C-alpha cells in the first residue's frame, strides 16, 4: 500500500520518510523527508505564536 506524503502527495516509500504523531493523537502523518515536513510547518504557520519564555539571570 502506497502512503502519500501529507505535503506533496508523493509516495513516501520512494524517499527517506519522516513520520509525525501529535501528542495524545494515534494518527501518524507521513512526509517524504524533512523538507516536506518543514514546508508544511511553514505554510500552515504551525510555529506562529509558539515560543518559550526565557528570563535572563
PDB file of N, CA and C in Angstrom:
ATOM      1  N   UNK A   1       0.842  -1.193   0.000  1.00  0.00           N
ATOM      2  CA  UNK A   1       0.000   0.000   0.000  1.00  0.00           C
ATOM      3  C   UNK A   1       0.881   1.248   0.000  1.00  0.00           C
ATOM      4  N   UNK A   2       0.627   2.154  -0.896  1.00  0.00           N
ATOM      5  CA  UNK A   2       1.403   3.382  -1.010  1.00  0.00           C
ATOM      6  C   UNK A   2       0.888   4.426  -0.020  1.00  0.00           C
ATOM      7  N   UNK A   3       1.824   5.013   0.707  1.00  0.00           N
ATOM      8  CA  UNK A   3       1.468   6.051   1.666  1.00  0.00           C
ATOM      9  C   UNK A   3       1.796   7.407   1.054  1.00  0.00           C
ATOM     10  N   UNK A   4       0.802   8.290   0.890  1.00  0.00           N
ATOM     11  CA  UNK A   4       1.082   9.602   0.304  1.00  0.00           C
ATOM     12  C   UNK A   4       1.657  10.576   1.337  1.00  0.00           C
ATOM     13  N   UNK A   5       2.535  11.436   0.877  1.00  0.00           N
ATOM     14  CA  UNK A   5       3.095  12.494   1.715  1.00  0.00           C
ATOM     15  C   UNK A   5       1.997  13.511   2.019  1.00  0.00           C
ATOM     16  N   UNK A   6       1.922  13.938   3.258  1.00  0.00           N
ATOM     17  CA  UNK A   6       0.924  14.932   3.669  1.00  0.00           C
ATOM     18  C   UNK A   6       1.107  16.224   2.885  1.00  0.00           C
ATOM     19  N   UNK A   7       2.345  16.578   2.573  1.00  0.00           N
ATOM     20  CA  UNK A   7       2.620  17.864   1.922  1.00  0.00           C
ATOM     21  C   UNK A   7       2.533  17.795   0.393  1.00  0.00           C
ATOM     22  N   UNK A   8       3.265  16.858  -0.227  1.00  0.00           N
ATOM     23  CA  UNK A   8       3.349  16.875  -1.698  1.00  0.00           C
ATOM     24  C   UNK A   8       2.604  15.740  -2.388  1.00  0.00           C
ATOM     25  N   UNK A   9       2.051  14.816  -1.606  1.00  0.00           N
ATOM     26  CA  UNK A   9       1.255  13.698  -2.114  1.00  0.00           C
ATOM     27  C   UNK A   9       2.071  12.631  -2.853  1.00  0.00           C
ATOM     28  N   UNK A  10       3.409  12.708  -2.800  1.00  0.00           N
ATOM     29  CA  UNK A  10       4.247  11.657  -3.380  1.00  0.00           C
ATOM     30  C   UNK A  10       4.228  10.431  -2.485  1.00  0.00           C
ATOM     31  N   UNK A  11       4.623   9.300  -3.022  1.00  0.00           N
ATOM     32  CA  UNK A  11       4.718   8.069  -2.227  1.00  0.00           C
ATOM     33  C   UNK A  11       5.937   8.165  -1.320  1.00  0.00           C
ATOM     34  N   UNK A  12       5.729   8.145  -0.014  1.00  0.00           N
ATOM     35  CA  UNK A  12       6.837   8.328   0.929  1.00  0.00           C
ATOM     36  C   UNK A  12       7.828   7.168   0.872  1.00  0.00           C
ATOM     37  N   UNK A  13       7.408   5.992   0.441  1.00  0.00           N
ATOM     38  CA  UNK A  13       8.297   4.842   0.368  1.00  0.00           C
ATOM     39  C   UNK A  13       9.446   5.050  -0.620  1.00  0.00           C
ATOM     40  N   UNK A  14       9.288   5.971  -1.538  1.00  0.00           N
ATOM     41  CA  UNK A  14      10.323   6.249  -2.540  1.00  0.00           C
ATOM     42  C   UNK A  14      11.405   7.188  -2.006  1.00  0.00           C
ATOM     43  N   UNK A  15      11.234   7.684  -0.805  1.00  0.00           N
ATOM     44  CA  UNK A  15      12.140   8.693  -0.252  1.00  0.00           C
ATOM     45  C   UNK A  15      12.662   8.258   1.109  1.00  0.00           C
ATOM     46  N   UNK A  16      13.130   9.204   1.882  1.00  0.00           N
ATOM     47  CA  UNK A  16      13.591   8.957   3.248  1.00  0.00           C
ATOM     48  C   UNK A  16      12.523   9.522   4.184  1.00  0.00           C
ATOM     49  N   UNK A  17      11.446   8.761   4.440  1.00  0.00           N
ATOM     50  CA  UNK A  17      10.268   9.312   5.102  1.00  0.00           C
ATOM     51  C   UNK A  17      10.465   9.697   6.568  1.00  0.00           C
ATOM     52  N   UNK A  18       9.621  10.650   6.976  1.00  0.00           N
ATOM     53  CA  UNK A  18       9.549  11.108   8.357  1.00  0.00           C
ATOM     54  C   UNK A  18       8.098  10.924   8.786  1.00  0.00           C
ATOM     55  N   UNK A  19       7.902  10.305   9.945  1.00  0.00           N
ATOM     56  CA  UNK A  19       6.554  10.074  10.456  1.00  0.00           C
ATOM     57  C   UNK A  19       6.349  10.910  11.706  1.00  0.00           C
ATOM     58  N   UNK A  20       5.213  11.601  11.774  1.00  0.00           N
ATOM     59  CA  UNK A  20       4.933  12.532  12.867  1.00  0.00           C
ATOM     60  C   UNK A  20       3.602  12.167  13.502  1.00  0.00           C
ATOM     61  N   UNK A  21       3.573  12.238  14.818  1.00  0.00           N
ATOM     62  CA  UNK A  21       2.335  11.999  15.557  1.00  0.00           C
ATOM     63  C   UNK A  21       2.223  13.085  16.627  1.00  0.00           C
ATOM     64  N   UNK A  22       1.077  13.769  16.690  1.00  0.00           N
ATOM     65  CA  UNK A  22       0.833  14.767  17.726  1.00  0.00           C
ATOM     66  C   UNK A  22       0.679  14.079  19.070  1.00  0.00           C
ATOM     67  N   UNK A  23       1.064  14.753  20.136  1.00  0.00           N
ATOM     68  CA  UNK A  23       0.914  14.201  21.477  1.00  0.00           C
ATOM     69  C   UNK A  23      -0.560  13.883  21.736  1.00  0.00           C
ATOM     70  N   UNK A  24      -0.828  12.707  22.239  1.00  0.00           N
ATOM     71  CA  UNK A  24      -2.194  12.307  22.536  1.00  0.00           C
ATOM     72  C   UNK A  24      -3.009  11.896  21.326  1.00  0.00           C
ATOM     73  N   UNK A  25      -2.387  11.847  20.149  1.00  0.00           N
ATOM     74  CA  UNK A  25      -3.090  11.501  18.914  1.00  0.00           C
ATOM     75  C   UNK A  25      -2.554  10.173  18.399  1.00  0.00           C
ATOM     76  N   UNK A  26      -3.420   9.278  17.991  1.00  0.00           N
ATOM     77  CA  UNK A  26      -2.987   7.989  17.465  1.00  0.00           C
ATOM     78  C   UNK A  26      -2.691   8.024  15.968  1.00  0.00           C
ATOM     79  N   UNK A  27      -3.104   9.089  15.294  1.00  0.00           N
ATOM     80  CA  UNK A  27      -2.913   9.171  13.851  1.00  0.00           C
ATOM     81  C   UNK A  27      -1.480   9.612  13.523  1.00  0.00           C
ATOM     82  N   UNK A  28      -0.818   8.826  12.691  1.00  0.00           N
ATOM     83  CA  UNK A  28       0.539   9.135  12.270  1.00  0.00           C
ATOM     84  C   UNK A  28       0.489   9.785  10.891  1.00  0.00           C
ATOM     85  N   UNK A  29       1.257  10.853  10.698  1.00  0.00           N
ATOM     86  CA  UNK A  29       1.307  11.548   9.413  1.00  0.00           C
ATOM     87  C   UNK A  29       2.662  11.294   8.770  1.00  0.00           C
ATOM     88  N   UNK A  30       2.662  11.033   7.479  1.00  0.00           N
ATOM     89  CA  UNK A  30       3.886  10.696   6.764  1.00  0.00           C
ATOM     90  C   UNK A  30       4.303  11.832   5.836  1.00  0.00           C
ATOM     91  N   UNK A  31       5.594  12.126   5.834  1.00  0.00           N
ATOM     92  CA  UNK A  31       6.194  13.118   4.944  1.00  0.00           C
ATOM     93  C   UNK A  31       7.349  12.457   4.206  1.00  0.00           C
ATOM     94  N   UNK A  32       7.611  12.883   2.966  1.00  0.00           N
ATOM     95  CA  UNK A  32       8.698  12.302   2.161  1.00  0.00           C
ATOM     96  C   UNK A  32      10.039  12.399   2.882  1.00  0.00           C
ATOM     97  N   UNK A  33      10.269  13.560   3.458  1.00  0.00           N
ATOM     98  CA  UNK A  33      11.532  13.838   4.123  1.00  0.00           C
ATOM     99  C   UNK A  33      11.358  15.097   4.978  1.00  0.00           C
ATOM    100  N   UNK A  34      12.428  15.555   5.587  1.00  0.00           N
ATOM    101  CA  UNK A  34      12.341  16.727   6.451  1.00  0.00           C
ATOM    102  C   UNK A  34      12.003  18.009   5.675  1.00  0.00           C
ATOM    103  N   UNK A  35      12.320  18.045   4.389  1.00  0.00           N
ATOM    104  CA  UNK A  35      11.996  19.225   3.586  1.00  0.00           C
ATOM    105  C   UNK A  35      10.485  19.402   3.464  1.00  0.00           C
ATOM    106  N   UNK A  36       9.773  18.331   3.176  1.00  0.00           N
ATOM    107  CA  UNK A  36       8.305  18.418   3.083  1.00  0.00           C
ATOM    108  C   UNK A  36       7.704  18.749   4.446  1.00  0.00           C
ATOM    109  N   UNK A  37       8.256  18.160   5.508  1.00  0.00           N
ATOM    110  CA  UNK A  37       7.767  18.458   6.849  1.00  0.00           C
ATOM    111  C   UNK A  37       7.972  19.935   7.175  1.00  0.00           C
ATOM    112  N   UNK A  38       9.159  20.467   6.897  1.00  0.00           N
ATOM    113  CA  UNK A  38       9.451  21.881   7.172  1.00  0.00           C
ATOM    114  C   UNK A  38       8.559  22.808   6.345  1.00  0.00           C
ATOM    115  N   UNK A  39       8.342  22.475   5.082  1.00  0.00           N
ATOM    116  CA  UNK A  39       7.470  23.290   4.231  1.00  0.00           C
ATOM    117  C   UNK A  39       6.037  23.277   4.755  1.00  0.00           C
ATOM    118  N   UNK A  40       5.574  22.126   5.191  1.00  0.00           N
ATOM    119  CA  UNK A  40       4.224  22.011   5.769  1.00  0.00           C
ATOM    120  C   UNK A  40       4.102  22.876   7.023  1.00  0.00           C
ATOM    121  N   UNK A  41       5.099  22.819   7.884  1.00  0.00           N
ATOM    122  CA  UNK A  41       5.098  23.626   9.111  1.00  0.00           C
ATOM    123  C   UNK A  41       5.052  25.119   8.778  1.00  0.00           C
ATOM    124  N   UNK A  42       5.867  25.550   7.815  1.00  0.00           N
ATOM    125  CA  UNK A  42       5.891  26.968   7.424  1.00  0.00           C
ATOM    126  C   UNK A  42       4.562  27.411   6.815  1.00  0.00           C
ATOM    127  N   UNK A  43       4.051  26.641   5.850  1.00  0.00           N
ATOM    128  CA  UNK A  43       2.816  27.044   5.162  1.00  0.00           C
ATOM    129  C   UNK A  43       1.594  27.021   6.073  1.00  0.00           C
ATOM    130  N   UNK A  44       1.581  26.124   7.051  1.00  0.00           N
ATOM    131  CA  UNK A  44       0.453  26.038   7.977  1.00  0.00           C
ATOM    132  C   UNK A  44       0.642  26.955   9.183  1.00  0.00           C
ATOM    133  N   UNK A  45       1.774  27.676   9.220  1.00  0.00           N
ATOM    134  CA  UNK A  45       2.098  28.608  10.308  1.00  0.00           C
ATOM    135  C   UNK A  45       1.972  27.930  11.685  1.00  0.00           C
ATOM    136  N   UNK A  46       2.487  26.712  11.766  1.00  0.00           N
ATOM    137  CA  UNK A  46       2.354  25.936  12.999  1.00  0.00           C
ATOM    138  C   UNK A  46       3.213  26.462  14.146  1.00  0.00           C
ATOM    139  N   UNK A  47       4.203  27.295  13.828  1.00  0.00           N
ATOM    140  CA  UNK A  47       5.046  27.835  14.899  1.00  0.00           C
ATOM    141  C   UNK A  47       4.655  29.252  15.289  1.00  0.00           C
ATOM    142  N   UNK A  48       3.689  29.840  14.604  1.00  0.00           N
ATOM    143  CA  UNK A  48       3.260  31.200  14.912  1.00  0.00           C
ATOM    144  C   UNK A  48       2.678  31.255  16.320  1.00  0.00           C
ATOM    145  N   UNK A  49       3.240  32.152  17.117  1.00  0.00           N
ATOM    146  CA  UNK A  49       2.760  32.326  18.484  1.00  0.00           C
ATOM    147  C   UNK A  49       3.334  31.331  19.472  1.00  0.00           C
ATOM    148  N   UNK A  50       4.118  30.397  18.996  1.00  0.00           N
ATOM    149  CA  UNK A  50       4.722  29.405  19.883  1.00  0.00           C
ATOM    150  C   UNK A  50       6.126  29.862  20.256  1.00  0.00           C
ATOM    151  N   UNK A  51       6.349  30.070  21.513  1.00  0.00           N
ATOM    152  CA  UNK A  51       7.676  30.442  21.965  1.00  0.00           C
ATOM    153  C   UNK A  51       7.863  30.046  23.424  1.00  0.00           C
ATOM    154  N   UNK A  52       9.078  29.966  23.813  1.00  0.00           N
ATOM    155  CA  UNK A  52       9.401  29.659  25.209  1.00  0.00           C
ATOM    156  C   UNK A  52       9.753  30.975  25.905  1.00  0.00           C
ATOM    157  N   UNK A  53       9.465  31.050  27.151  1.00  0.00           N
ATOM    158  CA  UNK A  53       9.870  32.225  27.924  1.00  0.00           C
ATOM    159  C   UNK A  53      11.234  31.970  28.512  1.00  0.00           C
ATOM    160  N   UNK A  54      12.078  32.962  28.414  1.00  0.00           N
ATOM    161  CA  UNK A  54      13.423  32.839  28.955  1.00  0.00           C
ATOM    162  C   UNK A  54      13.708  34.073  29.810  1.00  0.00           C
ATOM    163  N   UNK A  55      13.689  33.923  31.121  1.00  0.00           N
ATOM    164  CA  UNK A  55      14.009  35.050  31.980  1.00  0.00           C
ATOM    165  C   UNK A  55      15.519  35.126  32.212  1.00  0.00           C
ATOM    166  N   UNK A  56      16.171  36.179  31.749  1.00  0.00           N
ATOM    167  CA  UNK A  56      17.623  36.287  31.946  1.00  0.00           C
ATOM    168  C   UNK A  56      17.964  36.369  33.434  1.00  0.00           C
ATOM    169  N   UNK A  57      19.096  35.784  33.784  1.00  0.00           N
ATOM    170  CA  UNK A  57      19.576  35.870  35.186  1.00  0.00           C
ATOM    171  C   UNK A  57      19.303  34.651  35.859  1.00  0.00           C
TER     172      UNK A  57
END
